[in-house]
Amino acid sequence: MITKENFKKELAGSAALSLVQFKTDWNGASQIVSMIYDDLAKSYKGIANFLTVDFENEAALVTEYGVMEVPTILFFKGGKIIDHVVGLVPKNTLITKIENHLSK
């Protein structure tokens, strides 16, 4: 889990694709997406960064990035949001988005 204190450091200056998952431990959809997210993090290790933010404990980040519901995954490149997904998303959809952004 990352916090507001190390969030910018993790993303700033990184030309690599970074995915940031906003989740809670008690939300069923978050738990399902987390399993997919963790699997993709292993598959894309060294190619893309996978970070997680606790929705309930990091209100400042939630507000700053306009996250309204969990799970939400924001895609960053060069420190800027380039894409996002909200809710239960199939693994294939995430793979397609990741591959698309890696090819740019």
PDB file of N, CA and C in Angstrom:
ATOM      1  N   MET A   1       0.843  -1.184   0.000  1.00  0.00           N
ATOM      2  CA  MET A   1       0.000   0.000   0.000  1.00  0.00           C
ATOM      3  C   MET A   1       0.884   1.242   0.000  1.00  0.00           C
ATOM      4  N   ILE A   2       0.477   2.205  -0.798  1.00  0.00           N
ATOM      5  CA  ILE A   2       1.214   3.462  -0.790  1.00  0.00           C
ATOM      6  C   ILE A   2       0.361   4.538  -0.122  1.00  0.00           C
ATOM      7  N   THR A   3       1.035   5.569   0.344  1.00  0.00           N
ATOM      8  CA  THR A   3       0.371   6.661   1.053  1.00  0.00           C
ATOM      9  C   THR A   3       0.578   7.960   0.289  1.00  0.00           C
ATOM     10  N   LYS A   4      -0.095   9.004   0.725  1.00  0.00           N
ATOM     11  CA  LYS A   4       0.066  10.313   0.089  1.00  0.00           C
ATOM     12  C   LYS A   4       1.533  10.748   0.139  1.00  0.00           C
ATOM     13  N   GLU A   5       2.202  10.404   1.228  1.00  0.00           N
ATOM     14  CA  GLU A   5       3.591  10.816   1.403  1.00  0.00           C
ATOM     15  C   GLU A   5       4.512  10.237   0.326  1.00  0.00           C
ATOM     16  N   ASN A   6       4.291   8.983  -0.079  1.00  0.00           N
ATOM     17  CA  ASN A   6       5.197   8.399  -1.076  1.00  0.00           C
ATOM     18  C   ASN A   6       4.553   8.235  -2.456  1.00  0.00           C
ATOM     19  N   PHE A   7       3.321   8.685  -2.613  1.00  0.00           N
ATOM     20  CA  PHE A   7       2.600   8.538  -3.882  1.00  0.00           C
ATOM     21  C   PHE A   7       3.317   9.257  -5.020  1.00  0.00           C
ATOM     22  N   LYS A   8       3.578  10.548  -4.841  1.00  0.00           N
ATOM     23  CA  LYS A   8       4.219  11.342  -5.900  1.00  0.00           C
ATOM     24  C   LYS A   8       5.625  10.807  -6.205  1.00  0.00           C
ATOM     25  N   LYS A   9       6.333  10.388  -5.165  1.00  0.00           N
ATOM     26  CA  LYS A   9       7.681   9.857  -5.364  1.00  0.00           C
ATOM     27  C   LYS A   9       7.645   8.604  -6.231  1.00  0.00           C
ATOM     28  N   GLU A  10       6.640   7.758  -6.005  1.00  0.00           N
ATOM     29  CA  GLU A  10       6.520   6.522  -6.773  1.00  0.00           C
ATOM     30  C   GLU A  10       6.211   6.798  -8.242  1.00  0.00           C
ATOM     31  N   LEU A  11       5.456   7.862  -8.509  1.00  0.00           N
ATOM     32  CA  LEU A  11       5.024   8.144  -9.880  1.00  0.00           C
ATOM     33  C   LEU A  11       5.880   9.178 -10.595  1.00  0.00           C
ATOM     34  N   ALA A  12       6.409  10.137  -9.858  1.00  0.00           N
ATOM     35  CA  ALA A  12       7.149  11.238 -10.478  1.00  0.00           C
ATOM     36  C   ALA A  12       8.381  10.732 -11.205  1.00  0.00           C
ATOM     37  N   GLY A  13       8.537  11.208 -12.394  1.00  0.00           N
ATOM     38  CA  GLY A  13       9.719  10.866 -13.166  1.00  0.00           C
ATOM     39  C   GLY A  13       9.720   9.462 -13.730  1.00  0.00           C
ATOM     40  N   SER A  14       8.687   8.702 -13.454  1.00  0.00           N
ATOM     41  CA  SER A  14       8.643   7.347 -13.988  1.00  0.00           C
ATOM     42  C   SER A  14       8.010   7.377 -15.375  1.00  0.00           C
ATOM     43  N   ALA A  15       8.810   7.038 -16.367  1.00  0.00           N
ATOM     44  CA  ALA A  15       8.292   6.975 -17.733  1.00  0.00           C
ATOM     45  C   ALA A  15       7.522   5.680 -17.943  1.00  0.00           C
ATOM     46  N   ALA A  16       7.705   4.734 -17.032  1.00  0.00           N
ATOM     47  CA  ALA A  16       7.031   3.442 -17.150  1.00  0.00           C
ATOM     48  C   ALA A  16       5.536   3.595 -16.875  1.00  0.00           C
ATOM     49  N   LEU A  17       4.764   2.696 -17.431  1.00  0.00           N
ATOM     50  CA  LEU A  17       3.334   2.646 -17.145  1.00  0.00           C
ATOM     51  C   LEU A  17       3.155   2.241 -15.683  1.00  0.00           C
ATOM     52  N   SER A  18       2.307   2.980 -14.973  1.00  0.00           N
ATOM     53  CA  SER A  18       2.006   2.668 -13.577  1.00  0.00           C
ATOM     54  C   SER A  18       0.504   2.541 -13.415  1.00  0.00           C
ATOM     55  N   LEU A  19       0.078   1.485 -12.743  1.00  0.00           N
ATOM     56  CA  LEU A  19      -1.325   1.287 -12.426  1.00  0.00           C
ATOM     57  C   LEU A  19      -1.487   1.481 -10.931  1.00  0.00           C
ATOM     58  N   VAL A  20      -2.498   2.251 -10.544  1.00  0.00           N
ATOM     59  CA  VAL A  20      -2.760   2.508  -9.127  1.00  0.00           C
ATOM     60  C   VAL A  20      -4.180   2.048  -8.822  1.00  0.00           C
ATOM     61  N   GLN A  21      -4.273   1.049  -7.966  1.00  0.00           N
ATOM     62  CA  GLN A  21      -5.570   0.498  -7.578  1.00  0.00           C
ATOM     63  C   GLN A  21      -6.023   1.145  -6.269  1.00  0.00           C
ATOM     64  N   PHE A  22      -7.221   1.701  -6.273  1.00  0.00           N
ATOM     65  CA  PHE A  22      -7.854   2.200  -5.060  1.00  0.00           C
ATOM     66  C   PHE A  22      -8.836   1.129  -4.619  1.00  0.00           C
ATOM     67  N   LYS A  23      -8.683   0.644  -3.368  1.00  0.00           N
ATOM     68  CA  LYS A  23      -9.515  -0.470  -2.913  1.00  0.00           C
ATOM     69  C   LYS A  23      -9.771  -0.404  -1.422  1.00  0.00           C
ATOM     70  N   THR A  24     -10.678  -1.265  -0.979  1.00  0.00           N
ATOM     71  CA  THR A  24     -10.905  -1.489   0.443  1.00  0.00           C
ATOM     72  C   THR A  24     -10.849  -2.996   0.669  1.00  0.00           C
ATOM     73  N   ASP A  25     -10.571  -3.380   1.902  1.00  0.00           N
ATOM     74  CA  ASP A  25     -10.502  -4.813   2.212  1.00  0.00           C
ATOM     75  C   ASP A  25     -11.880  -5.450   2.338  1.00  0.00           C
ATOM     76  N   TRP A  26     -12.894  -4.661   2.676  1.00  0.00           N
ATOM     77  CA  TRP A  26     -14.219  -5.212   2.937  1.00  0.00           C
ATOM     78  C   TRP A  26     -15.113  -5.290   1.704  1.00  0.00           C
ATOM     79  N   ASN A  27     -14.726  -4.637   0.605  1.00  0.00           N
ATOM     80  CA  ASN A  27     -15.559  -4.589  -0.594  1.00  0.00           C
ATOM     81  C   ASN A  27     -15.327  -5.829  -1.455  1.00  0.00           C
ATOM     82  N   GLY A  28     -16.403  -6.566  -1.753  1.00  0.00           N
ATOM     83  CA  GLY A  28     -16.292  -7.806  -2.533  1.00  0.00           C
ATOM     84  C   GLY A  28     -15.684  -7.598  -3.907  1.00  0.00           C
ATOM     85  N   ALA A  29     -16.117  -6.546  -4.609  1.00  0.00           N
ATOM     86  CA  ALA A  29     -15.571  -6.269  -5.937  1.00  0.00           C
ATOM     87  C   ALA A  29     -14.075  -5.948  -5.843  1.00  0.00           C
ATOM     88  N   SER A  30     -13.680  -5.222  -4.800  1.00  0.00           N
ATOM     89  CA  SER A  30     -12.254  -4.921  -4.597  1.00  0.00           C
ATOM     90  C   SER A  30     -11.450  -6.196  -4.403  1.00  0.00           C
ATOM     91  N   GLN A  31     -11.997  -7.138  -3.659  1.00  0.00           N
ATOM     92  CA  GLN A  31     -11.290  -8.396  -3.413  1.00  0.00           C
ATOM     93  C   GLN A  31     -11.098  -9.178  -4.703  1.00  0.00           C
ATOM     94  N   ILE A  32     -12.128  -9.218  -5.542  1.00  0.00           N
ATOM     95  CA  ILE A  32     -12.038  -9.943  -6.818  1.00  0.00           C
ATOM     96  C   ILE A  32     -11.022  -9.275  -7.738  1.00  0.00           C
ATOM     97  N   VAL A  33     -11.136  -7.958  -7.890  1.00  0.00           N
ATOM     98  CA  VAL A  33     -10.218  -7.238  -8.766  1.00  0.00           C
ATOM     99  C   VAL A  33      -8.790  -7.313  -8.229  1.00  0.00           C
ATOM    100  N   SER A  34      -8.621  -7.318  -6.909  1.00  0.00           N
ATOM    101  CA  SER A  34      -7.282  -7.419  -6.316  1.00  0.00           C
ATOM    102  C   SER A  34      -6.572  -8.705  -6.722  1.00  0.00           C
ATOM    103  N   MET A  35      -7.316  -9.801  -6.801  1.00  0.00           N
ATOM    104  CA  MET A  35      -6.702 -11.064  -7.219  1.00  0.00           C
ATOM    105  C   MET A  35      -6.199 -10.960  -8.660  1.00  0.00           C
ATOM    106  N   ILE A  36      -7.011 -10.364  -9.523  1.00  0.00           N
ATOM    107  CA  ILE A  36      -6.611 -10.165 -10.924  1.00  0.00           C
ATOM    108  C   ILE A  36      -5.427  -9.211 -10.983  1.00  0.00           C
ATOM    109  N   TYR A  37      -5.500  -8.127 -10.238  1.00  0.00           N
ATOM    110  CA  TYR A  37      -4.461  -7.094 -10.197  1.00  0.00           C
ATOM    111  C   TYR A  37      -3.121  -7.691  -9.754  1.00  0.00           C
ATOM    112  N   ASP A  38      -3.153  -8.493  -8.691  1.00  0.00           N
ATOM    113  CA  ASP A  38      -1.928  -9.118  -8.186  1.00  0.00           C
ATOM    114  C   ASP A  38      -1.335 -10.076  -9.211  1.00  0.00           C
ATOM    115  N   ASP A  39      -2.194 -10.800  -9.912  1.00  0.00           N
ATOM    116  CA  ASP A  39      -1.738 -11.718 -10.955  1.00  0.00           C
ATOM    117  C   ASP A  39      -1.074 -10.946 -12.102  1.00  0.00           C
ATOM    118  N   LEU A  40      -1.686  -9.846 -12.503  1.00  0.00           N
ATOM    119  CA  LEU A  40      -1.108  -9.021 -13.566  1.00  0.00           C
ATOM    120  C   LEU A  40       0.203  -8.376 -13.120  1.00  0.00           C
ATOM    121  N   ALA A  41       0.287  -7.998 -11.847  1.00  0.00           N
ATOM    122  CA  ALA A  41       1.530  -7.411 -11.325  1.00  0.00           C
ATOM    123  C   ALA A  41       2.691  -8.389 -11.472  1.00  0.00           C
ATOM    124  N   LYS A  42       2.417  -9.666 -11.260  1.00  0.00           N
ATOM    125  CA  LYS A  42       3.461 -10.688 -11.440  1.00  0.00           C
ATOM    126  C   LYS A  42       3.811 -10.842 -12.914  1.00  0.00           C
ATOM    127  N   SER A  43       2.804 -10.860 -13.771  1.00  0.00           N
ATOM    128  CA  SER A  43       3.014 -11.041 -15.210  1.00  0.00           C
ATOM    129  C   SER A  43       3.789  -9.879 -15.835  1.00  0.00           C
ATOM    130  N   TYR A  44       3.557  -8.668 -15.347  1.00  0.00           N
ATOM    131  CA  TYR A  44       4.182  -7.478 -15.922  1.00  0.00           C
ATOM    132  C   TYR A  44       5.295  -6.913 -15.043  1.00  0.00           C
ATOM    133  N   LYS A  45       5.818  -7.727 -14.138  1.00  0.00           N
ATOM    134  CA  LYS A  45       6.905  -7.279 -13.251  1.00  0.00           C
ATOM    135  C   LYS A  45       8.092  -6.812 -14.100  1.00  0.00           C
ATOM    136  N   GLY A  46       8.595  -5.627 -13.784  1.00  0.00           N
ATOM    137  CA  GLY A  46       9.716  -5.066 -14.519  1.00  0.00           C
ATOM    138  C   GLY A  46       9.302  -4.323 -15.781  1.00  0.00           C
ATOM    139  N   ILE A  47       8.027  -4.417 -16.152  1.00  0.00           N
ATOM    140  CA  ILE A  47       7.514  -3.744 -17.354  1.00  0.00           C
ATOM    141  C   ILE A  47       6.593  -2.589 -16.969  1.00  0.00           C
ATOM    142  N   ALA A  48       5.749  -2.820 -15.962  1.00  0.00           N
ATOM    143  CA  ALA A  48       4.818  -1.800 -15.470  1.00  0.00           C
ATOM    144  C   ALA A  48       4.818  -1.838 -13.948  1.00  0.00           C
ATOM    145  N   ASN A  49       4.497  -0.718 -13.334  1.00  0.00           N
ATOM    146  CA  ASN A  49       4.433  -0.623 -11.877  1.00  0.00           C
ATOM    147  C   ASN A  49       2.989  -0.801 -11.420  1.00  0.00           C
ATOM    148  N   PHE A  50       2.788  -1.566 -10.368  1.00  0.00           N
ATOM    149  CA  PHE A  50       1.465  -1.801  -9.811  1.00  0.00           C
ATOM    150  C   PHE A  50       1.469  -1.349  -8.359  1.00  0.00           C
ATOM    151  N   LEU A  51       0.677  -0.316  -8.065  1.00  0.00           N
ATOM    152  CA  LEU A  51       0.613   0.262  -6.731  1.00  0.00           C
ATOM    153  C   LEU A  51      -0.819   0.169  -6.213  1.00  0.00           C
ATOM    154  N   THR A  52      -0.959   0.151  -4.901  1.00  0.00           N
ATOM    155  CA  THR A  52      -2.290   0.051  -4.290  1.00  0.00           C
ATOM    156  C   THR A  52      -2.460   1.132  -3.232  1.00  0.00           C
ATOM    157  N   VAL A  53      -3.652   1.745  -3.232  1.00  0.00           N
ATOM    158  CA  VAL A  53      -3.999   2.780  -2.263  1.00  0.00           C
ATOM    159  C   VAL A  53      -5.224   2.305  -1.487  1.00  0.00           C
ATOM    160  N   ASP A  54      -5.158   2.422  -0.173  1.00  0.00           N
ATOM    161  CA  ASP A  54      -6.303   2.094   0.674  1.00  0.00           C
ATOM    162  C   ASP A  54      -7.291   3.263   0.616  1.00  0.00           C
ATOM    163  N   PHE A  55      -8.442   3.022   0.024  1.00  0.00           N
ATOM    164  CA  PHE A  55      -9.469   4.038  -0.202  1.00  0.00           C
ATOM    165  C   PHE A  55      -9.880   4.740   1.092  1.00  0.00           C
ATOM    166  N   GLU A  56      -9.991   3.996   2.168  1.00  0.00           N
ATOM    167  CA  GLU A  56     -10.472   4.568   3.430  1.00  0.00           C
ATOM    168  C   GLU A  56      -9.409   5.351   4.191  1.00  0.00           C
ATOM    169  N   ASN A  57      -8.144   4.959   4.056  1.00  0.00           N
ATOM    170  CA  ASN A  57      -7.083   5.601   4.830  1.00  0.00           C
ATOM    171  C   ASN A  57      -6.376   6.736   4.104  1.00  0.00           C
ATOM    172  N   GLU A  58      -6.627   6.885   2.828  1.00  0.00           N
ATOM    173  CA  GLU A  58      -5.931   7.916   2.045  1.00  0.00           C
ATOM    174  C   GLU A  58      -6.936   8.869   1.388  1.00  0.00           C
ATOM    175  N   ALA A  59      -7.744   9.505   2.225  1.00  0.00           N
ATOM    176  CA  ALA A  59      -8.798  10.400   1.739  1.00  0.00           C
ATOM    177  C   ALA A  59      -8.255  11.524   0.856  1.00  0.00           C
ATOM    178  N   ALA A  60      -7.071  12.016   1.153  1.00  0.00           N
ATOM    179  CA  ALA A  60      -6.502  13.110   0.355  1.00  0.00           C
ATOM    180  C   ALA A  60      -6.258  12.664  -1.082  1.00  0.00           C
ATOM    181  N   LEU A  61      -5.734  11.454  -1.270  1.00  0.00           N
ATOM    182  CA  LEU A  61      -5.509  10.939  -2.624  1.00  0.00           C
ATOM    183  C   LEU A  61      -6.828  10.651  -3.332  1.00  0.00           C
ATOM    184  N   VAL A  62      -7.770  10.103  -2.586  1.00  0.00           N
ATOM    185  CA  VAL A  62      -9.098   9.805  -3.141  1.00  0.00           C
ATOM    186  C   VAL A  62      -9.722  11.090  -3.683  1.00  0.00           C
ATOM    187  N   THR A  63      -9.652  12.156  -2.893  1.00  0.00           N
ATOM    188  CA  THR A  63     -10.211  13.442  -3.294  1.00  0.00           C
ATOM    189  C   THR A  63      -9.427  14.042  -4.458  1.00  0.00           C
ATOM    190  N   GLU A  64      -8.112  14.026  -4.359  1.00  0.00           N
ATOM    191  CA  GLU A  64      -7.259  14.630  -5.399  1.00  0.00           C
ATOM    192  C   GLU A  64      -7.513  14.019  -6.770  1.00  0.00           C
ATOM    193  N   TYR A  65      -7.731  12.715  -6.812  1.00  0.00           N
ATOM    194  CA  TYR A  65      -7.909  12.036  -8.098  1.00  0.00           C
ATOM    195  C   TYR A  65      -9.377  11.738  -8.424  1.00  0.00           C
ATOM    196  N   GLY A  66     -10.290  12.254  -7.605  1.00  0.00           N
ATOM    197  CA  GLY A  66     -11.709  12.141  -7.902  1.00  0.00           C
ATOM    198  C   GLY A  66     -12.246  10.720  -7.908  1.00  0.00           C
ATOM    199  N   VAL A  67     -11.674   9.868  -7.091  1.00  0.00           N
ATOM    200  CA  VAL A  67     -12.127   8.480  -7.025  1.00  0.00           C
ATOM    201  C   VAL A  67     -13.441   8.441  -6.247  1.00  0.00           C
ATOM    202  N   MET A  68     -14.485   7.927  -6.905  1.00  0.00           N
ATOM    203  CA  MET A  68     -15.815   7.918  -6.301  1.00  0.00           C
ATOM    204  C   MET A  68     -16.214   6.551  -5.763  1.00  0.00           C
ATOM    205  N   GLU A  69     -15.661   5.487  -6.352  1.00  0.00           N
ATOM    206  CA  GLU A  69     -16.034   4.150  -5.910  1.00  0.00           C
ATOM    207  C   GLU A  69     -14.858   3.197  -6.036  1.00  0.00           C
ATOM    208  N   VAL A  70     -14.983   2.087  -5.323  1.00  0.00           N
ATOM    209  CA  VAL A  70     -13.945   1.065  -5.376  1.00  0.00           C
ATOM    210  C   VAL A  70     -14.526  -0.203  -5.982  1.00  0.00           C
ATOM    211  N   PRO A  71     -13.719  -0.949  -6.662  1.00  0.00           N
ATOM    212  CA  PRO A  71     -12.330  -0.654  -7.020  1.00  0.00           C
ATOM    213  C   PRO A  71     -12.246   0.325  -8.194  1.00  0.00           C
ATOM    214  N   THR A  72     -11.218   1.146  -8.180  1.00  0.00           N
ATOM    215  CA  THR A  72     -10.872   2.018  -9.301  1.00  0.00           C
ATOM    216  C   THR A  72      -9.389   1.813  -9.573  1.00  0.00           C
ATOM    217  N   ILE A  73      -9.039   1.688 -10.836  1.00  0.00           N
ATOM    218  CA  ILE A  73      -7.632   1.583 -11.230  1.00  0.00           C
ATOM    219  C   ILE A  73      -7.332   2.751 -12.166  1.00  0.00           C
ATOM    220  N   LEU A  74      -6.344   3.553 -11.778  1.00  0.00           N
ATOM    221  CA  LEU A  74      -5.883   4.668 -12.600  1.00  0.00           C
ATOM    222  C   LEU A  74      -4.588   4.263 -13.288  1.00  0.00           C
ATOM    223  N   PHE A  75      -4.468   4.599 -14.560  1.00  0.00           N
ATOM    224  CA  PHE A  75      -3.263   4.317 -15.344  1.00  0.00           C
ATOM    225  C   PHE A  75      -2.495   5.619 -15.486  1.00  0.00           C
ATOM    226  N   PHE A  76      -1.216   5.603 -15.099  1.00  0.00           N
ATOM    227  CA  PHE A  76      -0.355   6.780 -15.181  1.00  0.00           C
ATOM    228  C   PHE A  76       0.814   6.504 -16.113  1.00  0.00           C
ATOM    229  N   LYS A  77       1.222   7.541 -16.818  1.00  0.00           N
ATOM    230  CA  LYS A  77       2.475   7.492 -17.577  1.00  0.00           C
ATOM    231  C   LYS A  77       3.070   8.891 -17.494  1.00  0.00           C
ATOM    232  N   GLY A  78       4.328   8.989 -17.127  1.00  0.00           N
ATOM    233  CA  GLY A  78       4.965  10.288 -16.968  1.00  0.00           C
ATOM    234  C   GLY A  78       4.309  11.141 -15.895  1.00  0.00           C
ATOM    235  N   GLY A  79       3.724  10.480 -14.870  1.00  0.00           N
ATOM    236  CA  GLY A  79       3.101  11.193 -13.770  1.00  0.00           C
ATOM    237  C   GLY A  79       1.704  11.720 -14.053  1.00  0.00           C
ATOM    238  N   LYS A  80       1.164  11.438 -15.249  1.00  0.00           N
ATOM    239  CA  LYS A  80      -0.168  11.925 -15.613  1.00  0.00           C
ATOM    240  C   LYS A  80      -1.123  10.761 -15.835  1.00  0.00           C
ATOM    241  N   ILE A  81      -2.405  10.966 -15.474  1.00  0.00           N
ATOM    242  CA  ILE A  81      -3.419   9.936 -15.706  1.00  0.00           C
ATOM    243  C   ILE A  81      -3.689   9.845 -17.201  1.00  0.00           C
ATOM    244  N   ILE A  82      -3.603   8.622 -17.729  1.00  0.00           N
ATOM    245  CA  ILE A  82      -3.865   8.423 -19.150  1.00  0.00           C
ATOM    246  C   ILE A  82      -5.091   7.541 -19.391  1.00  0.00           C
ATOM    247  N   ASP A  83      -5.586   6.872 -18.344  1.00  0.00           N
ATOM    248  CA  ASP A  83      -6.739   5.988 -18.507  1.00  0.00           C
ATOM    249  C   ASP A  83      -7.221   5.575 -17.118  1.00  0.00           C
ATOM    250  N   HIS A  84      -8.385   4.938 -17.070  1.00  0.00           N
ATOM    251  CA  HIS A  84      -8.894   4.430 -15.802  1.00  0.00           C
ATOM    252  C   HIS A  84      -9.958   3.368 -16.054  1.00  0.00           C
ATOM    253  N   VAL A  85     -10.205   2.555 -15.044  1.00  0.00           N
ATOM    254  CA  VAL A  85     -11.321   1.617 -15.043  1.00  0.00           C
ATOM    255  C   VAL A  85     -11.953   1.665 -13.654  1.00  0.00           C
ATOM    256  N   VAL A  86     -13.273   1.433 -13.612  1.00  0.00           N
ATOM    257  CA  VAL A  86     -14.006   1.473 -12.355  1.00  0.00           C
ATOM    258  C   VAL A  86     -14.866   0.226 -12.243  1.00  0.00           C
ATOM    259  N   GLY A  87     -14.877  -0.360 -11.055  1.00  0.00           N
ATOM    260  CA  GLY A  87     -15.737  -1.511 -10.796  1.00  0.00           C
ATOM    261  C   GLY A  87     -15.111  -2.827 -11.205  1.00  0.00           C
ATOM    262  N   LEU A  88     -15.964  -3.848 -11.283  1.00  0.00           N
ATOM    263  CA  LEU A  88     -15.511  -5.177 -11.683  1.00  0.00           C
ATOM    264  C   LEU A  88     -15.151  -5.157 -13.161  1.00  0.00           C
ATOM    265  N   VAL A  89     -13.903  -5.391 -13.454  1.00  0.00           N
ATOM    266  CA  VAL A  89     -13.420  -5.350 -14.826  1.00  0.00           C
ATOM    267  C   VAL A  89     -12.799  -6.701 -15.155  1.00  0.00           C
ATOM    268  N   PRO A  90     -13.153  -7.290 -16.302  1.00  0.00           N
ATOM    269  CA  PRO A  90     -12.552  -8.569 -16.679  1.00  0.00           C
ATOM    270  C   PRO A  90     -11.034  -8.449 -16.878  1.00  0.00           C
ATOM    271  N   LYS A  91     -10.339  -9.516 -16.582  1.00  0.00           N
ATOM    272  CA  LYS A  91      -8.882  -9.552 -16.733  1.00  0.00           C
ATOM    273  C   LYS A  91      -8.471  -9.198 -18.162  1.00  0.00           C
ATOM    274  N   ASN A  92      -9.205  -9.705 -19.138  1.00  0.00           N
ATOM    275  CA  ASN A  92      -8.859  -9.428 -20.536  1.00  0.00           C
ATOM    276  C   ASN A  92      -8.935  -7.941 -20.867  1.00  0.00           C
ATOM    277  N   THR A  93      -9.879  -7.240 -20.265  1.00  0.00           N
ATOM    278  CA  THR A  93      -9.993  -5.791 -20.478  1.00  0.00           C
ATOM    279  C   THR A  93      -8.757  -5.086 -19.944  1.00  0.00           C
ATOM    280  N   LEU A  94      -8.309  -5.478 -18.754  1.00  0.00           N
ATOM    281  CA  LEU A  94      -7.104  -4.870 -18.177  1.00  0.00           C
ATOM    282  C   LEU A  94      -5.868  -5.185 -19.019  1.00  0.00           C
ATOM    283  N   ILE A  95      -5.755  -6.421 -19.464  1.00  0.00           N
ATOM    284  CA  ILE A  95      -4.607  -6.809 -20.309  1.00  0.00           C
ATOM    285  C   ILE A  95      -4.590  -5.977 -21.584  1.00  0.00           C
ATOM    286  N   THR A  96      -5.750  -5.812 -22.220  1.00  0.00           N
ATOM    287  CA  THR A  96      -5.842  -5.031 -23.451  1.00  0.00           C
ATOM    288  C   THR A  96      -5.402  -3.589 -23.205  1.00  0.00           C
ATOM    289  N   LYS A  97      -5.872  -2.998 -22.107  1.00  0.00           N
ATOM    290  CA  LYS A  97      -5.493  -1.617 -21.797  1.00  0.00           C
ATOM    291  C   LYS A  97      -4.000  -1.516 -21.513  1.00  0.00           C
ATOM    292  N   ILE A  98      -3.466  -2.444 -20.735  1.00  0.00           N
ATOM    293  CA  ILE A  98      -2.033  -2.424 -20.417  1.00  0.00           C
ATOM    294  C   ILE A  98      -1.206  -2.541 -21.696  1.00  0.00           C
ATOM    295  N   GLU A  99      -1.528  -3.519 -22.518  1.00  0.00           N
ATOM    296  CA  GLU A  99      -0.781  -3.737 -23.767  1.00  0.00           C
ATOM    297  C   GLU A  99      -0.877  -2.509 -24.674  1.00  0.00           C
ATOM    298  N   ASN A 100      -2.061  -1.924 -24.745  1.00  0.00           N
ATOM    299  CA  ASN A 100      -2.266  -0.733 -25.576  1.00  0.00           C
ATOM    300  C   ASN A 100      -1.376   0.414 -25.104  1.00  0.00           C
ATOM    301  N   HIS A 101      -1.317   0.639 -23.801  1.00  0.00           N
ATOM    302  CA  HIS A 101      -0.515   1.741 -23.280  1.00  0.00           C
ATOM    303  C   HIS A 101       0.981   1.441 -23.327  1.00  0.00           C
ATOM    304  N   LEU A 102       1.357   0.188 -23.239  1.00  0.00           N
ATOM    305  CA  LEU A 102       2.775  -0.150 -23.347  1.00  0.00           C
ATOM    306  C   LEU A 102       3.295   0.042 -24.764  1.00  0.00           C
ATOM    307  N   SER A 103       2.403  -0.084 -25.746  1.00  0.00           N
ATOM    308  CA  SER A 103       2.829   0.018 -27.147  1.00  0.00           C
ATOM    309  C   SER A 103       2.931   1.459 -27.628  1.00  0.00           C
ATOM    310  N   LYS A 104       2.515   2.418 -26.778  1.00  0.00           N
ATOM    311  CA  LYS A 104       2.562   3.833 -27.166  1.00  0.00           C
ATOM    312  C   LYS A 104       3.887   4.459 -26.832  1.00  0.00           C
TER     313      LYS A 104
END
